[in-house]
C-alpha cells in the first residue's frame, strides 16, 4: 500500500515529529508509515485522516 503522508505533511510544513505529536505516536512510527515499512491500524488511519481533514482513501492508495 502506498500513501501520501510525506507529501501531505510537507504541504503543511510539518516535521515527522510535529505529525507524530498530533497523532500521539512516535516519530519513528510516522517514518515507518511514510516509507511503507508499516501499515497503520485502522484506528490510527482514521486519526491520520482526521488530522489532515481527508478520507482514508485520499491518503492510502492501493498499489
N, C-alpha and C. Protein backbone atom coordinates (compact mmCIF):
# COMPACT_ATOMS: atom_id res chain seq x y z
N UNK A 1 0.85 -1.17 0.00
CA UNK A 1 0.00 0.00 0.00
C UNK A 1 0.90 1.24 0.00
N UNK A 2 0.59 2.16 -0.89
CA UNK A 2 1.30 3.43 -0.93
C UNK A 2 0.53 4.46 -0.11
N UNK A 3 1.20 5.55 0.26
CA UNK A 3 0.49 6.61 0.97
C UNK A 3 1.06 7.97 0.59
N UNK A 4 0.28 8.98 0.85
CA UNK A 4 0.65 10.37 0.53
C UNK A 4 1.06 11.14 1.78
N UNK A 5 1.40 10.43 2.83
CA UNK A 5 1.66 11.07 4.11
C UNK A 5 2.78 12.12 4.04
N UNK A 6 3.89 11.76 3.42
CA UNK A 6 5.03 12.68 3.36
C UNK A 6 4.67 13.95 2.60
N UNK A 7 3.95 13.81 1.49
CA UNK A 7 3.55 14.98 0.70
C UNK A 7 2.59 15.86 1.49
N UNK A 8 1.60 15.24 2.10
CA UNK A 8 0.62 15.99 2.89
C UNK A 8 1.29 16.71 4.05
N UNK A 9 2.23 16.04 4.67
CA UNK A 9 2.95 16.64 5.80
C UNK A 9 3.79 17.83 5.31
N UNK A 10 4.46 17.66 4.17
CA UNK A 10 5.30 18.73 3.62
C UNK A 10 4.46 19.95 3.21
N UNK A 11 3.27 19.71 2.67
CA UNK A 11 2.39 20.81 2.29
C UNK A 11 2.04 21.70 3.48
N UNK A 12 2.03 21.11 4.65
CA UNK A 12 1.70 21.86 5.87
C UNK A 12 2.95 22.31 6.63
N UNK A 13 4.11 21.98 6.06
CA UNK A 13 5.40 22.33 6.68
C UNK A 13 5.54 21.74 8.08
N UNK A 14 5.07 20.49 8.23
CA UNK A 14 5.18 19.77 9.50
C UNK A 14 6.35 18.81 9.42
N UNK A 15 7.09 18.70 10.48
CA UNK A 15 8.13 17.67 10.59
C UNK A 15 7.45 16.34 10.95
N UNK A 16 8.21 15.28 10.86
CA UNK A 16 7.66 14.00 11.31
C UNK A 16 7.29 14.07 12.78
N UNK A 17 8.08 14.78 13.55
CA UNK A 17 7.80 14.95 14.97
C UNK A 17 6.51 15.71 15.21
N UNK A 18 6.26 16.75 14.40
CA UNK A 18 5.01 17.51 14.52
C UNK A 18 3.80 16.62 14.30
N UNK A 19 3.87 15.82 13.22
CA UNK A 19 2.76 14.93 12.91
C UNK A 19 2.60 13.87 13.99
N UNK A 20 3.72 13.33 14.44
CA UNK A 20 3.67 12.30 15.49
C UNK A 20 2.99 12.84 16.74
N UNK A 21 3.29 14.07 17.09
CA UNK A 21 2.68 14.70 18.26
C UNK A 21 1.16 14.81 18.09
N UNK A 22 0.74 15.24 16.92
CA UNK A 22 -0.70 15.37 16.64
C UNK A 22 -1.41 14.02 16.68
N UNK A 23 -0.69 12.96 16.26
CA UNK A 23 -1.28 11.62 16.21
C UNK A 23 -1.09 10.83 17.51
N UNK A 24 -0.26 11.37 18.40
CA UNK A 24 0.07 10.71 19.65
C UNK A 24 0.75 9.36 19.41
N UNK A 25 1.72 9.37 18.47
CA UNK A 25 2.57 8.21 18.19
C UNK A 25 4.01 8.70 18.16
N UNK A 26 4.94 7.79 18.02
CA UNK A 26 6.35 8.19 17.95
C UNK A 26 6.70 8.68 16.55
N UNK A 27 7.76 9.48 16.48
CA UNK A 27 8.26 9.94 15.19
C UNK A 27 8.67 8.76 14.34
N UNK A 28 9.22 7.72 14.98
CA UNK A 28 9.63 6.52 14.26
C UNK A 28 8.44 5.84 13.59
N UNK A 29 7.28 5.88 14.23
CA UNK A 29 6.07 5.31 13.64
C UNK A 29 5.67 6.07 12.38
N UNK A 30 5.73 7.38 12.44
CA UNK A 30 5.42 8.19 11.26
C UNK A 30 6.39 7.86 10.13
N UNK A 31 7.67 7.76 10.45
CA UNK A 31 8.67 7.42 9.45
C UNK A 31 8.39 6.05 8.84
N UNK A 32 8.07 5.07 9.66
CA UNK A 32 7.80 3.72 9.16
C UNK A 32 6.57 3.69 8.25
N UNK A 33 5.56 4.47 8.58
CA UNK A 33 4.36 4.53 7.73
C UNK A 33 4.72 5.21 6.40
N UNK A 34 5.44 6.32 6.47
CA UNK A 34 5.81 7.05 5.25
C UNK A 34 6.65 6.20 4.31
N UNK A 35 7.53 5.40 4.83
CA UNK A 35 8.43 4.60 3.99
C UNK A 35 7.83 3.26 3.60
N UNK A 36 6.61 2.99 4.05
CA UNK A 36 5.94 1.75 3.67
C UNK A 36 6.39 0.54 4.44
N UNK A 37 7.12 0.74 5.52
CA UNK A 37 7.58 -0.39 6.34
C UNK A 37 6.52 -0.85 7.34
N UNK A 38 5.50 -0.01 7.51
CA UNK A 38 4.45 -0.31 8.49
C UNK A 38 3.12 0.22 7.97
N UNK A 39 2.10 -0.61 8.00
CA UNK A 39 0.74 -0.18 7.68
C UNK A 39 0.03 0.14 8.99
N UNK A 40 -0.55 1.32 9.10
CA UNK A 40 -1.18 1.70 10.37
C UNK A 40 -2.43 0.88 10.66
N UNK A 41 -2.75 0.78 11.92
CA UNK A 41 -4.00 0.14 12.32
C UNK A 41 -5.15 1.00 11.81
N UNK A 42 -6.32 0.44 11.77
CA UNK A 42 -7.49 1.19 11.31
C UNK A 42 -7.77 2.41 12.19
N UNK A 43 -7.71 2.29 13.52
CA UNK A 43 -7.92 3.49 14.34
C UNK A 43 -6.88 4.59 14.05
N UNK A 44 -5.63 4.19 13.84
CA UNK A 44 -4.60 5.18 13.52
C UNK A 44 -4.84 5.78 12.14
N UNK A 45 -5.25 4.99 11.18
CA UNK A 45 -5.55 5.51 9.85
C UNK A 45 -6.67 6.55 9.93
N UNK A 46 -7.67 6.30 10.76
CA UNK A 46 -8.75 7.28 10.94
C UNK A 46 -8.22 8.56 11.60
N UNK A 47 -7.32 8.43 12.57
CA UNK A 47 -6.72 9.63 13.20
C UNK A 47 -5.92 10.43 12.18
N UNK A 48 -5.17 9.73 11.34
CA UNK A 48 -4.39 10.40 10.30
C UNK A 48 -5.32 11.17 9.37
N UNK A 49 -6.39 10.52 8.93
CA UNK A 49 -7.36 11.17 8.05
C UNK A 49 -7.97 12.40 8.73
N UNK A 50 -8.30 12.29 10.00
CA UNK A 50 -8.88 13.42 10.74
C UNK A 50 -7.90 14.59 10.83
N UNK A 51 -6.64 14.29 11.10
CA UNK A 51 -5.63 15.35 11.23
C UNK A 51 -5.50 16.14 9.93
N UNK A 52 -5.59 15.44 8.80
CA UNK A 52 -5.46 16.11 7.51
C UNK A 52 -6.80 16.57 6.93
N UNK A 53 -7.89 16.19 7.56
CA UNK A 53 -9.20 16.58 7.06
C UNK A 53 -9.54 15.91 5.74
N UNK A 54 -9.06 14.68 5.56
CA UNK A 54 -9.28 13.93 4.33
C UNK A 54 -9.88 12.56 4.65
N UNK A 55 -10.29 11.86 3.60
CA UNK A 55 -10.75 10.48 3.76
C UNK A 55 -9.54 9.55 3.74
N UNK A 56 -9.65 8.43 4.39
CA UNK A 56 -8.56 7.45 4.41
C UNK A 56 -8.12 7.13 2.99
N UNK A 57 -9.10 6.96 2.08
CA UNK A 57 -8.78 6.60 0.69
C UNK A 57 -8.02 7.70 -0.04
N UNK A 58 -8.06 8.92 0.46
CA UNK A 58 -7.30 10.01 -0.16
C UNK A 58 -5.85 10.03 0.31
N UNK A 59 -5.55 9.27 1.34
CA UNK A 59 -4.19 9.23 1.90
C UNK A 59 -3.50 7.92 1.56
N UNK A 60 -4.23 6.83 1.72
CA UNK A 60 -3.67 5.49 1.50
C UNK A 60 -4.20 4.93 0.19
N UNK A 61 -3.28 4.55 -0.69
CA UNK A 61 -3.63 4.15 -2.06
C UNK A 61 -3.22 2.70 -2.31
N UNK A 62 -4.03 1.99 -3.08
CA UNK A 62 -3.68 0.63 -3.47
C UNK A 62 -2.48 0.66 -4.40
N UNK A 63 -1.66 -0.36 -4.32
CA UNK A 63 -0.52 -0.46 -5.26
C UNK A 63 -0.98 -0.79 -6.64
